[in-house]
Amino acid sequence: MAAACPCRLIAPESAAARLLGVLWFLSVTTGPWGAAAGGGEETLKCEDLKLGQYICKDPKINDATQEPVNCTNYTAYVQCFPAPNITCKDFGGNETHFTGNEVGFLKPISCRNVNGYSYKVAVALSLFLGWLGADRFYLGYPALGLLKFCTVGFCGIGSLIDFILISMQAHIHHSSLLSFHFPGLEGHSTVY
């Protein structure tokens, strides 16, 4: 007579669920965060954090130009704060554990160098005095302004084209603010 086995068979569904639970536990404890905390990998730079691990302030906008205040070479920088309990290397190269109140890095955003020019004024000049080249003089293109002045706005056709280009430039600028808040919506802008 065979002795009764005290062990019982486990249903395959239950065994699969237990195995998945164990694998999940191992991936959480030894995943990228666990390995970095254990010293197995180098700490990330704060610039390399994933979306959701940091928050950036809105740029300060100049009321006259509608561009970020610190725009140079078509780039402005906004302060970004890593989330609480994130450890990364700040812009000094120091490994820092953040509480959510410290600046971790400066994120570059695209902008246009407008040198203090107002697009509203440029559009108004283009509409009313574009045939004299006043819009191009105002925007810092004296050669084009003089050419438009001498040809009476390229016989009116150049004035119309310039009005459309300057108006579109003002429109593109307002839609480029979307690209800061929604990075997938990239606006293409060219300074004319």
N, C-alpha and C. Protein backbone atom coordinates (compact mmCIF):
# COMPACT_ATOMS: atom_id res chain seq x y z
N MET A 1 0.84 -1.15 0.00
CA MET A 1 0.00 0.00 0.00
C MET A 1 0.89 1.23 0.00
N ALA A 2 0.56 2.11 -0.82
CA ALA A 2 1.38 3.32 -0.98
C ALA A 2 1.01 4.32 0.10
N ALA A 3 2.04 5.01 0.57
CA ALA A 3 1.82 6.04 1.59
C ALA A 3 1.21 7.26 0.94
N ALA A 4 0.32 7.91 1.65
CA ALA A 4 -0.34 9.10 1.11
C ALA A 4 0.65 10.26 1.14
N CYS A 5 0.72 10.99 0.05
CA CYS A 5 1.63 12.14 -0.06
C CYS A 5 0.97 13.35 0.58
N PRO A 6 1.66 14.01 1.54
CA PRO A 6 1.07 15.18 2.17
C PRO A 6 1.01 16.38 1.22
N CYS A 7 1.75 16.31 0.12
CA CYS A 7 1.73 17.45 -0.82
C CYS A 7 0.53 17.36 -1.73
N ARG A 8 0.07 18.51 -2.18
CA ARG A 8 -1.06 18.52 -3.11
C ARG A 8 -0.65 19.25 -4.36
N LEU A 9 -1.29 18.97 -5.42
CA LEU A 9 -0.99 19.60 -6.70
C LEU A 9 -1.59 21.01 -6.74
N ILE A 10 -0.84 21.95 -7.34
CA ILE A 10 -1.31 23.33 -7.47
C ILE A 10 -1.86 23.51 -8.88
N ALA A 11 -2.96 24.21 -8.96
CA ALA A 11 -3.56 24.47 -10.27
C ALA A 11 -2.60 25.29 -11.12
N PRO A 12 -2.54 25.04 -12.43
CA PRO A 12 -1.61 25.78 -13.30
C PRO A 12 -1.84 27.29 -13.27
N GLU A 13 -3.09 27.73 -13.16
CA GLU A 13 -3.37 29.17 -13.13
C GLU A 13 -2.79 29.80 -11.87
N SER A 14 -2.91 29.11 -10.76
CA SER A 14 -2.39 29.62 -9.50
C SER A 14 -0.86 29.65 -9.53
N ALA A 15 -0.24 28.65 -10.12
CA ALA A 15 1.23 28.62 -10.21
C ALA A 15 1.72 29.76 -11.10
N ALA A 16 1.02 30.02 -12.18
CA ALA A 16 1.42 31.11 -13.08
C ALA A 16 1.27 32.46 -12.39
N ALA A 17 0.21 32.62 -11.61
CA ALA A 17 0.01 33.87 -10.88
C ALA A 17 1.10 34.07 -9.85
N ARG A 18 1.47 33.00 -9.14
CA ARG A 18 2.54 33.12 -8.14
C ARG A 18 3.88 33.45 -8.81
N LEU A 19 4.15 32.79 -9.93
CA LEU A 19 5.39 33.05 -10.66
C LEU A 19 5.45 34.50 -11.14
N LEU A 20 4.34 35.01 -11.67
CA LEU A 20 4.30 36.41 -12.10
C LEU A 20 4.52 37.35 -10.93
N GLY A 21 3.94 37.03 -9.78
CA GLY A 21 4.14 37.85 -8.59
C GLY A 21 5.59 37.90 -8.16
N VAL A 22 6.26 36.74 -8.19
CA VAL A 22 7.67 36.68 -7.82
C VAL A 22 8.52 37.46 -8.82
N LEU A 23 8.22 37.30 -10.12
CA LEU A 23 8.97 38.04 -11.14
C LEU A 23 8.76 39.54 -11.01
N TRP A 24 7.54 39.95 -10.72
CA TRP A 24 7.27 41.38 -10.53
C TRP A 24 8.06 41.92 -9.35
N PHE A 25 8.07 41.18 -8.25
CA PHE A 25 8.81 41.60 -7.06
C PHE A 25 10.30 41.74 -7.37
N LEU A 26 10.85 40.78 -8.11
CA LEU A 26 12.26 40.84 -8.46
C LEU A 26 12.55 42.02 -9.38
N SER A 27 11.66 42.29 -10.33
CA SER A 27 11.91 43.41 -11.25
C SER A 27 11.83 44.76 -10.54
N VAL A 28 10.96 44.88 -9.54
CA VAL A 28 10.85 46.13 -8.79
C VAL A 28 12.06 46.33 -7.89
N THR A 29 12.49 45.28 -7.22
CA THR A 29 13.58 45.43 -6.27
C THR A 29 14.95 45.48 -6.93
N THR A 30 15.10 44.89 -8.10
CA THR A 30 16.41 44.89 -8.76
C THR A 30 16.35 45.55 -10.12
N GLY A 31 15.29 46.34 -10.40
CA GLY A 31 15.17 47.03 -11.68
C GLY A 31 16.14 48.18 -11.79
N PRO A 32 15.91 49.10 -12.71
CA PRO A 32 16.84 50.20 -12.90
C PRO A 32 17.02 51.04 -11.64
N TRP A 33 15.94 51.22 -10.84
CA TRP A 33 16.07 52.04 -9.64
C TRP A 33 16.84 51.28 -8.56
N GLY A 34 16.53 50.00 -8.41
CA GLY A 34 17.22 49.21 -7.40
C GLY A 34 18.69 49.04 -7.71
N ALA A 35 19.04 48.84 -9.00
CA ALA A 35 20.43 48.68 -9.38
C ALA A 35 21.20 49.97 -9.17
N ALA A 36 20.57 51.10 -9.47
CA ALA A 36 21.25 52.38 -9.30
C ALA A 36 21.47 52.66 -7.82
N ALA A 37 20.49 52.29 -6.99
CA ALA A 37 20.63 52.53 -5.56
C ALA A 37 21.68 51.61 -4.97
N GLY A 38 21.85 50.42 -5.55
CA GLY A 38 22.83 49.49 -5.04
C GLY A 38 24.24 49.78 -5.52
N GLY A 39 24.41 50.78 -6.37
CA GLY A 39 25.73 51.13 -6.84
C GLY A 39 26.16 50.37 -8.08
N GLY A 40 25.27 49.59 -8.68
CA GLY A 40 25.62 48.83 -9.87
C GLY A 40 25.73 49.69 -11.10
N GLU A 41 25.02 50.78 -11.17
CA GLU A 41 25.05 51.66 -12.33
C GLU A 41 25.34 53.08 -11.88
N GLU A 42 25.77 53.90 -12.84
CA GLU A 42 26.04 55.30 -12.54
C GLU A 42 24.73 56.07 -12.48
N THR A 43 24.67 57.08 -11.62
CA THR A 43 23.47 57.89 -11.45
C THR A 43 23.25 58.74 -12.70
N LEU A 44 21.99 58.87 -13.10
CA LEU A 44 21.63 59.66 -14.28
C LEU A 44 21.90 61.14 -14.06
N LYS A 45 22.17 61.84 -15.16
CA LYS A 45 22.19 63.29 -15.11
C LYS A 45 20.75 63.76 -15.00
N CYS A 46 20.54 64.88 -14.36
CA CYS A 46 19.17 65.38 -14.20
C CYS A 46 18.53 65.70 -15.55
N GLU A 47 19.34 66.10 -16.55
CA GLU A 47 18.81 66.39 -17.89
C GLU A 47 18.23 65.15 -18.56
N ASP A 48 18.67 63.96 -18.12
CA ASP A 48 18.23 62.71 -18.74
C ASP A 48 17.02 62.09 -18.05
N LEU A 49 16.43 62.79 -17.09
CA LEU A 49 15.24 62.26 -16.42
C LEU A 49 14.10 62.13 -17.41
N LYS A 50 13.23 61.19 -17.16
CA LYS A 50 12.07 60.97 -18.04
C LYS A 50 10.95 61.95 -17.69
N LEU A 51 10.09 62.18 -18.66
CA LEU A 51 8.93 63.04 -18.47
C LEU A 51 8.11 62.52 -17.29
N GLY A 52 7.76 63.38 -16.38
CA GLY A 52 7.04 62.99 -15.18
C GLY A 52 7.94 62.89 -13.96
N GLN A 53 9.26 62.85 -14.19
CA GLN A 53 10.19 62.81 -13.07
C GLN A 53 10.69 64.22 -12.73
N TYR A 54 10.24 65.21 -13.48
CA TYR A 54 10.60 66.60 -13.22
C TYR A 54 9.47 67.51 -13.69
N ILE A 55 9.50 68.74 -13.23
CA ILE A 55 8.54 69.74 -13.67
C ILE A 55 9.31 71.03 -13.95
N CYS A 56 8.98 71.70 -15.04
CA CYS A 56 9.66 72.93 -15.42
C CYS A 56 8.72 74.11 -15.26
N LYS A 57 9.30 75.22 -14.82
CA LYS A 57 8.52 76.45 -14.71
C LYS A 57 8.24 77.01 -16.09
N ASP A 58 7.16 77.77 -16.21
CA ASP A 58 6.89 78.48 -17.46
C ASP A 58 7.93 79.58 -17.63
N PRO A 59 8.34 79.83 -18.88
CA PRO A 59 9.31 80.91 -19.07
C PRO A 59 8.67 82.27 -18.82
N LYS A 60 9.48 83.22 -18.38
CA LYS A 60 8.99 84.59 -18.23
C LYS A 60 8.93 85.21 -19.62
N ILE A 61 7.76 85.73 -19.97
CA ILE A 61 7.53 86.26 -21.31
C ILE A 61 7.57 87.78 -21.28
N ASN A 62 8.32 88.36 -22.22
CA ASN A 62 8.37 89.80 -22.38
C ASN A 62 7.07 90.26 -23.04
N ASP A 63 6.35 91.18 -22.43
CA ASP A 63 5.05 91.62 -22.95
C ASP A 63 5.17 92.26 -24.32
N ALA A 64 6.25 92.99 -24.58
CA ALA A 64 6.38 93.70 -25.85
C ALA A 64 6.71 92.75 -26.99
N THR A 65 7.58 91.77 -26.76
CA THR A 65 8.02 90.90 -27.86
C THR A 65 7.30 89.55 -27.87
N GLN A 66 6.66 89.20 -26.77
CA GLN A 66 5.99 87.90 -26.63
C GLN A 66 6.97 86.74 -26.79
N GLU A 67 8.22 86.95 -26.39
CA GLU A 67 9.26 85.92 -26.39
C GLU A 67 9.80 85.78 -24.97
N PRO A 68 10.44 84.66 -24.66
CA PRO A 68 11.05 84.53 -23.34
C PRO A 68 12.07 85.64 -23.09
N VAL A 69 12.16 86.08 -21.84
CA VAL A 69 13.03 87.20 -21.49
C VAL A 69 14.50 86.89 -21.77
N ASN A 70 14.95 85.68 -21.50
CA ASN A 70 16.37 85.35 -21.63
C ASN A 70 16.71 84.65 -22.94
N CYS A 71 16.09 85.05 -24.05
CA CYS A 71 16.31 84.42 -25.36
C CYS A 71 17.61 84.93 -25.98
N THR A 72 18.57 84.03 -26.18
CA THR A 72 19.80 84.35 -26.90
C THR A 72 20.13 83.18 -27.80
N ASN A 73 20.58 83.49 -29.01
CA ASN A 73 20.94 82.46 -30.00
C ASN A 73 19.80 81.46 -30.21
N TYR A 74 18.59 81.96 -30.29
CA TYR A 74 17.39 81.15 -30.56
C TYR A 74 17.12 80.10 -29.50
N THR A 75 17.65 80.30 -28.29
CA THR A 75 17.43 79.38 -27.19
C THR A 75 17.20 80.14 -25.90
N ALA A 76 16.21 79.71 -25.15
CA ALA A 76 15.98 80.23 -23.80
C ALA A 76 16.00 79.03 -22.86
N TYR A 77 16.25 79.29 -21.60
CA TYR A 77 16.34 78.20 -20.62
C TYR A 77 15.31 78.41 -19.52
N VAL A 78 14.65 77.32 -19.14
CA VAL A 78 13.69 77.36 -18.04
C VAL A 78 14.19 76.45 -16.92
N GLN A 79 13.85 76.82 -15.70
CA GLN A 79 14.28 76.04 -14.54
C GLN A 79 13.41 74.79 -14.40
N CYS A 80 14.06 73.66 -14.18
CA CYS A 80 13.33 72.40 -14.00
C CYS A 80 13.68 71.82 -12.63
N PHE A 81 12.66 71.30 -11.97
CA PHE A 81 12.78 70.77 -10.62
C PHE A 81 12.50 69.27 -10.65
N PRO A 82 13.50 68.43 -10.32
CA PRO A 82 13.22 66.99 -10.21
C PRO A 82 12.19 66.72 -9.11
N ALA A 83 11.44 65.66 -9.28
CA ALA A 83 10.41 65.28 -8.32
C ALA A 83 11.05 64.92 -6.97
N PRO A 84 10.26 64.97 -5.91
CA PRO A 84 10.80 64.57 -4.61
C PRO A 84 11.32 63.13 -4.64
N ASN A 85 12.37 62.89 -3.89
CA ASN A 85 13.00 61.57 -3.74
C ASN A 85 13.67 61.07 -5.01
N ILE A 86 14.02 61.98 -5.91
CA ILE A 86 14.78 61.61 -7.11
C ILE A 86 16.24 61.96 -6.83
N THR A 87 17.14 61.05 -7.17
CA THR A 87 18.56 61.30 -7.04
C THR A 87 19.17 61.33 -8.44
N CYS A 88 19.82 62.44 -8.76
CA CYS A 88 20.46 62.58 -10.06
C CYS A 88 21.60 63.58 -9.93
N LYS A 89 22.39 63.68 -11.00
CA LYS A 89 23.51 64.62 -11.00
C LYS A 89 23.02 65.97 -11.51
N ASP A 90 23.23 67.02 -10.70
CA ASP A 90 22.80 68.36 -11.10
C ASP A 90 23.80 68.95 -12.10
N PHE A 91 23.57 70.22 -12.52
CA PHE A 91 24.42 70.80 -13.54
C PHE A 91 25.85 71.02 -13.06
N GLY A 92 26.11 70.89 -11.78
CA GLY A 92 27.48 70.96 -11.26
C GLY A 92 28.16 69.61 -11.26
N GLY A 93 27.44 68.55 -11.60
CA GLY A 93 28.00 67.21 -11.59
C GLY A 93 27.90 66.52 -10.25
N ASN A 94 27.27 67.18 -9.28
CA ASN A 94 27.13 66.62 -7.93
C ASN A 94 25.89 65.74 -7.86
N GLU A 95 26.04 64.58 -7.25
CA GLU A 95 24.89 63.70 -7.05
C GLU A 95 24.05 64.27 -5.91
N THR A 96 22.79 64.58 -6.22
CA THR A 96 21.93 65.25 -5.25
C THR A 96 20.63 64.49 -5.10
N HIS A 97 20.15 64.40 -3.89
CA HIS A 97 18.83 63.83 -3.59
C HIS A 97 17.87 65.01 -3.46
N PHE A 98 16.91 65.11 -4.36
CA PHE A 98 16.05 66.29 -4.45
C PHE A 98 14.78 66.13 -3.61
N THR A 99 14.30 67.25 -3.09
CA THR A 99 13.06 67.28 -2.32
C THR A 99 11.91 67.88 -3.13
N GLY A 100 12.20 68.34 -4.34
CA GLY A 100 11.17 68.95 -5.19
C GLY A 100 11.23 70.46 -5.22
N ASN A 101 12.09 71.06 -4.39
CA ASN A 101 12.19 72.52 -4.32
C ASN A 101 13.48 73.06 -4.92
N GLU A 102 14.42 72.19 -5.30
CA GLU A 102 15.70 72.63 -5.82
C GLU A 102 15.72 72.54 -7.35
N VAL A 103 16.42 73.49 -7.97
CA VAL A 103 16.58 73.46 -9.43
C VAL A 103 17.59 72.37 -9.75
N GLY A 104 17.20 71.44 -10.60
CA GLY A 104 18.08 70.34 -10.98
C GLY A 104 18.82 70.61 -12.27
N PHE A 105 18.14 71.28 -13.21
CA PHE A 105 18.78 71.58 -14.49
C PHE A 105 17.98 72.67 -15.19
N LEU A 106 18.58 73.21 -16.22
CA LEU A 106 17.93 74.22 -17.05
C LEU A 106 17.61 73.58 -18.39
N LYS A 107 16.33 73.57 -18.76
CA LYS A 107 15.90 72.93 -20.00
C LYS A 107 15.90 73.97 -21.12
N PRO A 108 16.56 73.68 -22.25
CA PRO A 108 16.53 74.64 -23.36
C PRO A 108 15.21 74.56 -24.12
N ILE A 109 14.66 75.71 -24.46
CA ILE A 109 13.48 75.78 -25.31
C ILE A 109 13.80 76.71 -26.47
N SER A 110 13.18 76.49 -27.60
CA SER A 110 13.46 77.31 -28.76
C SER A 110 12.70 78.63 -28.67
N CYS A 111 13.32 79.66 -29.17
CA CYS A 111 12.70 80.98 -29.23
C CYS A 111 13.31 81.73 -30.40
N ARG A 112 12.80 82.90 -30.65
CA ARG A 112 13.33 83.72 -31.73
C ARG A 112 13.95 84.98 -31.16
N ASN A 113 15.09 85.36 -31.69
CA ASN A 113 15.69 86.62 -31.29
C ASN A 113 14.95 87.74 -31.99
N VAL A 114 14.22 88.51 -31.24
CA VAL A 114 13.44 89.59 -31.85
C VAL A 114 14.04 90.96 -31.56
N ASN A 115 15.10 90.99 -30.76
CA ASN A 115 15.80 92.23 -30.45
C ASN A 115 14.88 93.35 -30.01
N GLY A 116 13.83 93.01 -29.29
CA GLY A 116 12.95 94.03 -28.75
C GLY A 116 11.88 94.51 -29.71
N TYR A 117 11.74 93.90 -30.87
CA TYR A 117 10.72 94.32 -31.83
C TYR A 117 9.37 93.73 -31.48
N SER A 118 8.34 94.52 -31.66
CA SER A 118 6.98 94.06 -31.41
C SER A 118 6.36 93.62 -32.73
N TYR A 119 5.78 92.43 -32.76
CA TYR A 119 5.16 91.95 -33.99
C TYR A 119 3.90 92.73 -34.32
N LYS A 120 3.21 93.22 -33.32
CA LYS A 120 2.01 94.03 -33.59
C LYS A 120 2.38 95.30 -34.33
N VAL A 121 3.46 95.94 -33.91
CA VAL A 121 3.92 97.16 -34.59
C VAL A 121 4.39 96.82 -36.00
N ALA A 122 5.10 95.70 -36.15
CA ALA A 122 5.60 95.30 -37.47
C ALA A 122 4.45 95.03 -38.43
N VAL A 123 3.39 94.38 -37.95
CA VAL A 123 2.23 94.12 -38.81
C VAL A 123 1.54 95.42 -39.20
N ALA A 124 1.40 96.35 -38.24
CA ALA A 124 0.77 97.64 -38.54
C ALA A 124 1.60 98.43 -39.54
N LEU A 125 2.92 98.45 -39.35
CA LEU A 125 3.78 99.15 -40.31
C LEU A 125 3.71 98.50 -41.68
N SER A 126 3.67 97.20 -41.73
CA SER A 126 3.60 96.50 -43.00
C SER A 126 2.29 96.80 -43.72
N LEU A 127 1.21 96.89 -42.97
CA LEU A 127 -0.10 97.15 -43.58
C LEU A 127 -0.20 98.57 -44.12
N PHE A 128 0.22 99.55 -43.31
CA PHE A 128 0.00 100.95 -43.70
C PHE A 128 1.18 101.59 -44.42
N LEU A 129 2.41 101.22 -44.09
CA LEU A 129 3.58 101.85 -44.70
C LEU A 129 4.52 100.84 -45.34
N GLY A 130 4.01 99.65 -45.63
CA GLY A 130 4.83 98.61 -46.23
C GLY A 130 5.33 98.99 -47.61
N TRP A 131 4.57 99.77 -48.35
CA TRP A 131 4.98 100.17 -49.69
C TRP A 131 6.18 101.12 -49.63
N LEU A 132 6.46 101.72 -48.46
CA LEU A 132 7.63 102.57 -48.28
C LEU A 132 8.79 101.82 -47.62
N GLY A 133 8.59 100.57 -47.24
CA GLY A 133 9.64 99.76 -46.62
C GLY A 133 9.80 100.00 -45.13
N ALA A 134 8.85 100.70 -44.51
CA ALA A 134 8.96 101.03 -43.09
C ALA A 134 9.02 99.77 -42.21
N ASP A 135 8.30 98.72 -42.60
CA ASP A 135 8.30 97.49 -41.82
C ASP A 135 9.69 96.85 -41.78
N ARG A 136 10.38 96.86 -42.93
CA ARG A 136 11.71 96.26 -42.99
C ARG A 136 12.75 97.12 -42.27
N PHE A 137 12.61 98.42 -42.34
CA PHE A 137 13.50 99.29 -41.56
C PHE A 137 13.30 99.02 -40.06
N TYR A 138 12.06 98.89 -39.65
CA TYR A 138 11.75 98.65 -38.24
C TYR A 138 12.32 97.32 -37.76
N LEU A 139 12.24 96.29 -38.58
CA LEU A 139 12.70 94.96 -38.20
C LEU A 139 14.21 94.78 -38.32
N GLY A 140 14.91 95.83 -38.78
CA GLY A 140 16.36 95.75 -38.84
C GLY A 140 16.91 95.26 -40.16
N TYR A 141 16.15 95.41 -41.23
CA TYR A 141 16.61 95.03 -42.57
C TYR A 141 16.64 96.29 -43.43
N PRO A 142 17.65 97.15 -43.26
CA PRO A 142 17.64 98.42 -44.00
C PRO A 142 17.81 98.25 -45.50
N ALA A 143 18.55 97.23 -45.95
CA ALA A 143 18.73 97.03 -47.39
C ALA A 143 17.39 96.69 -48.05
N LEU A 144 16.63 95.79 -47.44
CA LEU A 144 15.30 95.46 -47.98
C LEU A 144 14.36 96.65 -47.89
N GLY A 145 14.46 97.40 -46.79
CA GLY A 145 13.62 98.59 -46.63
C GLY A 145 13.91 99.62 -47.72
N LEU A 146 15.18 99.84 -48.02
CA LEU A 146 15.56 100.79 -49.07
C LEU A 146 15.11 100.29 -50.44
N LEU A 147 15.26 99.01 -50.69
CA LEU A 147 14.81 98.43 -51.97
C LEU A 147 13.30 98.56 -52.12
N LYS A 148 12.56 98.30 -51.06
CA LYS A 148 11.10 98.47 -51.13
C LYS A 148 10.73 99.94 -51.32
N PHE A 149 11.46 100.83 -50.68
CA PHE A 149 11.19 102.25 -50.81
C PHE A 149 11.41 102.72 -52.26
N CYS A 150 12.53 102.28 -52.87
CA CYS A 150 12.87 102.71 -54.23
C CYS A 150 11.95 102.11 -55.28
N THR A 151 11.38 100.95 -55.02
CA THR A 151 10.51 100.30 -56.01
C THR A 151 9.05 100.39 -55.64
N VAL A 152 8.72 101.24 -54.67
CA VAL A 152 7.36 101.41 -54.15
C VAL A 152 6.77 100.04 -53.80
N GLY A 153 7.52 99.35 -52.95
CA GLY A 153 7.05 98.05 -52.45
C GLY A 153 6.99 97.00 -53.52
N PHE A 154 7.99 97.03 -54.45
CA PHE A 154 8.02 96.10 -55.58
C PHE A 154 6.69 96.15 -56.33
N CYS A 155 6.24 97.36 -56.59
CA CYS A 155 4.99 97.63 -57.31
C CYS A 155 3.78 97.06 -56.56
N GLY A 156 3.84 97.04 -55.26
CA GLY A 156 2.71 96.59 -54.44
C GLY A 156 2.71 95.10 -54.16
N ILE A 157 3.31 94.32 -55.03
CA ILE A 157 3.33 92.86 -54.85
C ILE A 157 4.22 92.50 -53.66
N GLY A 158 5.38 93.12 -53.57
CA GLY A 158 6.29 92.85 -52.46
C GLY A 158 5.69 93.27 -51.13
N SER A 159 4.95 94.36 -51.13
CA SER A 159 4.30 94.81 -49.89
C SER A 159 3.26 93.80 -49.44
N LEU A 160 2.49 93.27 -50.36
CA LEU A 160 1.49 92.26 -50.02
C LEU A 160 2.17 91.00 -49.48
N ILE A 161 3.23 90.55 -50.15
CA ILE A 161 3.95 89.35 -49.71
C ILE A 161 4.55 89.58 -48.32
N ASP A 162 5.17 90.75 -48.12
CA ASP A 162 5.74 91.05 -46.81
C ASP A 162 4.68 91.12 -45.72
N PHE A 163 3.54 91.68 -46.03
CA PHE A 163 2.46 91.74 -45.04
C PHE A 163 2.04 90.33 -44.64
N ILE A 164 1.91 89.45 -45.62
CA ILE A 164 1.52 88.06 -45.33
C ILE A 164 2.61 87.37 -44.50
N LEU A 165 3.89 87.57 -44.89
CA LEU A 165 4.98 86.91 -44.16
C LEU A 165 5.07 87.40 -42.72
N ILE A 166 4.97 88.69 -42.52
CA ILE A 166 5.06 89.23 -41.16
C ILE A 166 3.85 88.81 -40.34
N SER A 167 2.68 88.80 -40.95
CA SER A 167 1.48 88.36 -40.23
C SER A 167 1.58 86.89 -39.85
N MET A 168 2.08 86.08 -40.77
CA MET A 168 2.25 84.65 -40.47
C MET A 168 3.30 84.44 -39.38
N GLN A 169 4.34 85.27 -39.38
CA GLN A 169 5.37 85.16 -38.35
C GLN A 169 4.77 85.41 -36.97
N ALA A 170 3.91 86.40 -36.86
CA ALA A 170 3.25 86.69 -35.59
C ALA A 170 2.33 85.52 -35.20
N HIS A 171 1.65 84.92 -36.18
CA HIS A 171 0.77 83.79 -35.90
C HIS A 171 1.58 82.57 -35.48
N ILE A 172 2.70 82.31 -36.17
CA ILE A 172 3.53 81.15 -35.84
C ILE A 172 4.07 81.28 -34.43
N HIS A 173 4.41 82.51 -34.03
CA HIS A 173 4.94 82.69 -32.68
C HIS A 173 3.94 82.25 -31.62
N HIS A 174 2.69 82.65 -31.78
CA HIS A 174 1.69 82.29 -30.77
C HIS A 174 1.47 80.78 -30.74
N SER A 175 1.55 80.11 -31.88
CA SER A 175 1.38 78.66 -31.87
C SER A 175 2.63 77.97 -31.34
N SER A 176 3.81 78.65 -31.38
CA SER A 176 5.01 78.00 -30.86
C SER A 176 4.99 77.92 -29.34
N LEU A 177 4.14 78.70 -28.68
CA LEU A 177 4.00 78.55 -27.24
C LEU A 177 3.41 77.17 -26.90
N LEU A 178 2.64 76.61 -27.85
CA LEU A 178 2.10 75.27 -27.63
C LEU A 178 3.21 74.24 -27.56
N SER A 179 4.29 74.44 -28.36
CA SER A 179 5.34 73.44 -28.38
C SER A 179 6.07 73.35 -27.05
N PHE A 180 6.03 74.41 -26.24
CA PHE A 180 6.64 74.33 -24.91
C PHE A 180 5.80 73.43 -24.01
N HIS A 181 4.48 73.59 -24.04
CA HIS A 181 3.61 72.81 -23.17
C HIS A 181 3.28 71.45 -23.75
N PHE A 182 3.32 71.32 -25.08
CA PHE A 182 3.04 70.05 -25.75
C PHE A 182 4.19 69.77 -26.72
N PRO A 183 5.26 69.10 -26.26
CA PRO A 183 6.45 68.94 -27.08
C PRO A 183 6.22 68.23 -28.41
N GLY A 184 5.19 67.44 -28.54
CA GLY A 184 4.92 66.74 -29.81
C GLY A 184 4.45 67.67 -30.91
N LEU A 185 3.94 68.83 -30.55
CA LEU A 185 3.45 69.78 -31.55
C LEU A 185 4.55 70.79 -31.83
N GLU A 186 5.42 70.46 -32.76
CA GLU A 186 6.54 71.34 -33.08
C GLU A 186 6.10 72.37 -34.11
N GLY A 187 6.31 73.62 -33.80
CA GLY A 187 6.02 74.71 -34.74
C GLY A 187 7.29 75.09 -35.48
N HIS A 188 7.18 75.28 -36.78
CA HIS A 188 8.33 75.69 -37.56
C HIS A 188 8.25 77.18 -37.78
N SER A 189 9.29 77.89 -37.40
CA SER A 189 9.26 79.33 -37.57
C SER A 189 10.59 79.79 -38.17
N THR A 190 10.51 80.77 -39.00
CA THR A 190 11.67 81.34 -39.62
C THR A 190 11.58 82.84 -39.48
N VAL A 191 12.68 83.47 -39.13
CA VAL A 191 12.69 84.93 -39.01
C VAL A 191 12.93 85.50 -40.39
N TYR A 192 12.00 86.30 -40.88
CA TYR A 192 12.15 86.90 -42.21
C TYR A 192 12.73 88.28 -42.09
